[in-house]
Amino acid sequence: MDKKVITTNRKAFHDYNLFDKFTAGIVLTGTEIKSIRKNAINLKDSFCKIEDNEIFLYNCHISLYEQGNRYNHKEERVRKLLLTKKEILKMHSKIKKDGYTIVPLEVFIIKGFAKVEIALAKGKKLYDKRETIAKKDQQRDMERNRGKY
């Protein structure tokens, strides 16, 4: 598969423990897909909600398309995600029972279609974040020292 990653939500990897991952299609307008192809998308504070057995993406910022004139889109509109009913019900039960949240991880293009990878996640506590940072620092130091000897 020819997968071109457009953007990643690095904040999600820092703030959440990630569990099940799903790939979903996004319902977009013409100018939105053109802006996405120009890497004009930001997932930083975005999240997903399930409403009436449908899943929606909130706070995803897609910049205006320069040549879009009057047909341009709203930058932070709510966008519907395309998943199977079985996947949505599985996520809905996990959210209700175990207190998970749904976080978008990355947007990519496959065969001309924009897709978003979402994950069930639980928020990290402050001490978990510190622990993760400490592990990354140790790993980086080990990599640096490995080259010296």
Protein backbone atom coordinates (compact mmCIF):
# COMPACT_ATOMS: atom_id res chain seq x y z
CA MET A 1 0.00 0.00 0.00
CA ASP A 2 1.15 3.49 -0.82
CA LYS A 3 0.45 5.37 2.42
CA LYS A 4 1.40 9.07 2.59
CA VAL A 5 1.24 10.38 6.16
CA ILE A 6 0.02 13.99 6.22
CA THR A 7 0.09 14.79 9.95
CA THR A 8 0.46 13.08 13.32
CA ASN A 9 -0.99 14.04 16.67
CA ARG A 10 2.17 13.94 18.78
CA LYS A 11 0.31 15.35 21.77
CA ALA A 12 -1.91 12.25 21.85
CA PHE A 13 1.11 9.96 22.22
CA HIS A 14 2.33 12.13 25.11
CA ASP A 15 -0.97 12.59 26.98
CA TYR A 16 -2.65 9.19 26.56
CA ASN A 17 -2.04 5.47 26.91
CA LEU A 18 -3.23 4.08 23.57
CA PHE A 19 -5.06 0.77 23.15
CA ASP A 20 -7.12 -0.38 20.14
CA LYS A 21 -6.48 1.42 16.84
CA PHE A 22 -8.92 1.83 13.96
CA THR A 23 -8.65 3.34 10.48
CA ALA A 24 -11.61 5.49 9.43
CA GLY A 25 -12.53 7.44 6.33
CA ILE A 26 -13.44 11.12 6.63
CA VAL A 27 -16.38 12.86 4.95
CA LEU A 28 -14.81 15.94 3.34
CA THR A 29 -15.74 18.70 0.88
CA GLY A 30 -13.70 19.44 -2.24
CA THR A 31 -11.63 22.28 -0.80
CA GLU A 32 -10.88 20.31 2.39
CA ILE A 33 -9.20 17.43 0.57
CA LYS A 34 -7.15 19.93 -1.46
CA SER A 35 -5.97 21.61 1.75
CA ILE A 36 -5.13 18.22 3.30
CA ARG A 37 -3.01 17.33 0.27
CA LYS A 38 -1.07 20.57 0.96
CA ASN A 39 -0.47 19.45 4.60
CA ALA A 40 -2.73 22.23 5.96
CA ILE A 41 -4.32 20.18 8.74
CA ASN A 42 -3.81 20.20 12.52
CA LEU A 43 -4.99 17.46 14.94
CA LYS A 44 -3.50 18.99 18.09
CA ASP A 45 -6.63 19.39 20.27
CA SER A 46 -9.01 17.21 18.28
CA PHE A 47 -11.13 14.39 19.67
CA CYS A 48 -13.94 12.06 18.56
CA LYS A 49 -17.46 11.54 19.90
CA ILE A 50 -20.08 8.89 19.19
CA GLU A 51 -23.57 10.31 18.64
CA ASP A 52 -26.56 8.26 17.37
CA ASN A 53 -24.30 5.32 16.39
CA GLU A 54 -22.16 7.62 14.22
CA ILE A 55 -18.70 8.92 15.05
CA PHE A 56 -17.65 12.55 14.57
CA LEU A 57 -14.30 14.37 14.64
CA TYR A 58 -14.21 17.66 16.58
CA ASN A 59 -11.63 20.51 16.72
CA CYS A 60 -9.73 19.30 13.66
CA HIS A 61 -8.40 22.42 11.95
CA ILE A 62 -8.15 22.27 8.14
CA SER A 63 -6.89 25.59 6.75
CA LEU A 64 -8.75 27.38 3.97
CA TYR A 65 -7.76 26.52 0.40
CA GLU A 66 -6.19 29.57 -1.28
CA GLN A 67 -7.98 29.10 -4.61
CA GLY A 68 -11.28 28.10 -2.95
CA ASN A 69 -13.00 31.54 -3.26
CA ARG A 70 -16.66 31.42 -2.17
CA TYR A 71 -16.80 27.60 -2.14
CA ASN A 72 -14.33 27.36 0.74
CA HIS A 73 -15.12 25.31 3.86
CA LYS A 74 -15.35 26.24 7.53
CA GLU A 75 -11.97 25.55 9.14
CA GLU A 76 -13.13 23.74 12.31
CA ARG A 77 -16.43 22.17 11.32
CA VAL A 78 -17.50 18.81 12.75
CA ARG A 79 -16.59 15.99 10.35
CA LYS A 80 -18.18 12.57 10.17
CA LEU A 81 -15.90 9.51 10.26
CA LEU A 82 -16.69 6.35 8.35
CA LEU A 83 -16.44 3.09 10.30
CA THR A 84 -18.43 -0.12 10.32
CA LYS A 85 -21.33 -0.41 12.75
CA LYS A 86 -19.54 -3.27 14.53
CA GLU A 87 -16.44 -1.13 15.16
CA ILE A 88 -18.53 1.80 16.42
CA LEU A 89 -20.48 -0.42 18.81
CA LYS A 90 -17.24 -1.98 20.11
CA MET A 91 -15.80 1.49 20.82
CA HIS A 92 -19.07 2.70 22.35
CA SER A 93 -19.17 -0.20 24.82
CA LYS A 94 -15.53 0.38 25.84
CA ILE A 95 -16.20 4.08 26.39
CA LYS A 96 -19.27 3.43 28.56
CA LYS A 97 -17.84 0.52 30.52
CA ASP A 98 -14.15 1.32 30.96
CA GLY A 99 -14.00 5.11 30.60
CA TYR A 100 -11.93 5.31 27.42
CA THR A 101 -11.84 8.28 25.05
CA ILE A 102 -11.31 8.32 21.28
CA VAL A 103 -8.29 10.25 20.01
CA PRO A 104 -7.17 10.81 16.40
CA LEU A 105 -3.53 9.80 15.91
CA GLU A 106 -2.70 10.59 12.29
CA VAL A 107 -4.17 11.58 8.95
CA PHE A 108 -2.88 9.91 5.80
CA ILE A 109 -3.81 9.45 2.16
CA ILE A 110 -4.24 5.98 0.64
CA LYS A 111 -5.24 5.53 -3.02
CA GLY A 112 -6.38 9.17 -3.16
CA PHE A 113 -8.65 8.95 -0.11
CA ALA A 114 -7.98 10.72 3.19
CA LYS A 115 -8.11 8.42 6.21
CA VAL A 116 -7.66 9.06 9.91
CA GLU A 117 -6.23 6.58 12.41
CA ILE A 118 -8.07 6.77 15.73
CA ALA A 119 -7.42 4.95 18.98
CA LEU A 120 -9.15 4.15 22.22
CA ALA A 121 -7.12 5.87 24.91
CA LYS A 122 -6.95 6.62 28.61
CA GLY A 123 -5.38 9.81 29.92
CA LYS A 124 -1.98 9.61 31.57
CA LYS A 125 -1.43 11.04 35.01
CA LEU A 126 1.37 13.55 35.54
CA TYR A 127 3.69 10.96 37.07
CA ASP A 128 3.11 8.66 34.06
CA LYS A 129 4.17 11.47 31.72
CA ARG A 130 7.33 12.06 33.77
CA GLU A 131 8.11 8.36 33.70
CA THR A 132 7.71 8.24 29.91
CA ILE A 133 10.00 11.25 29.46
CA ALA A 134 12.62 9.69 31.74
CA LYS A 135 12.56 6.44 29.72
CA LYS A 136 12.98 8.37 26.46
CA ASP A 137 15.93 10.29 27.94
CA GLN A 138 17.60 7.06 29.07
CA GLN A 139 17.08 5.51 25.64
CA ARG A 140 18.56 8.58 23.94
CA ASP A 141 21.60 8.53 26.27
CA MET A 142 22.15 4.83 25.57
CA GLU A 143 22.06 5.48 21.82
CA ARG A 144 24.55 8.35 22.17
CA ASN A 145 26.92 6.29 24.34
CA ARG A 146 26.75 3.30 22.00
CA GLY A 147 28.43 5.35 19.25
CA LYS A 148 31.31 6.51 21.52
CA TYR A 149 32.76 3.09 22.32
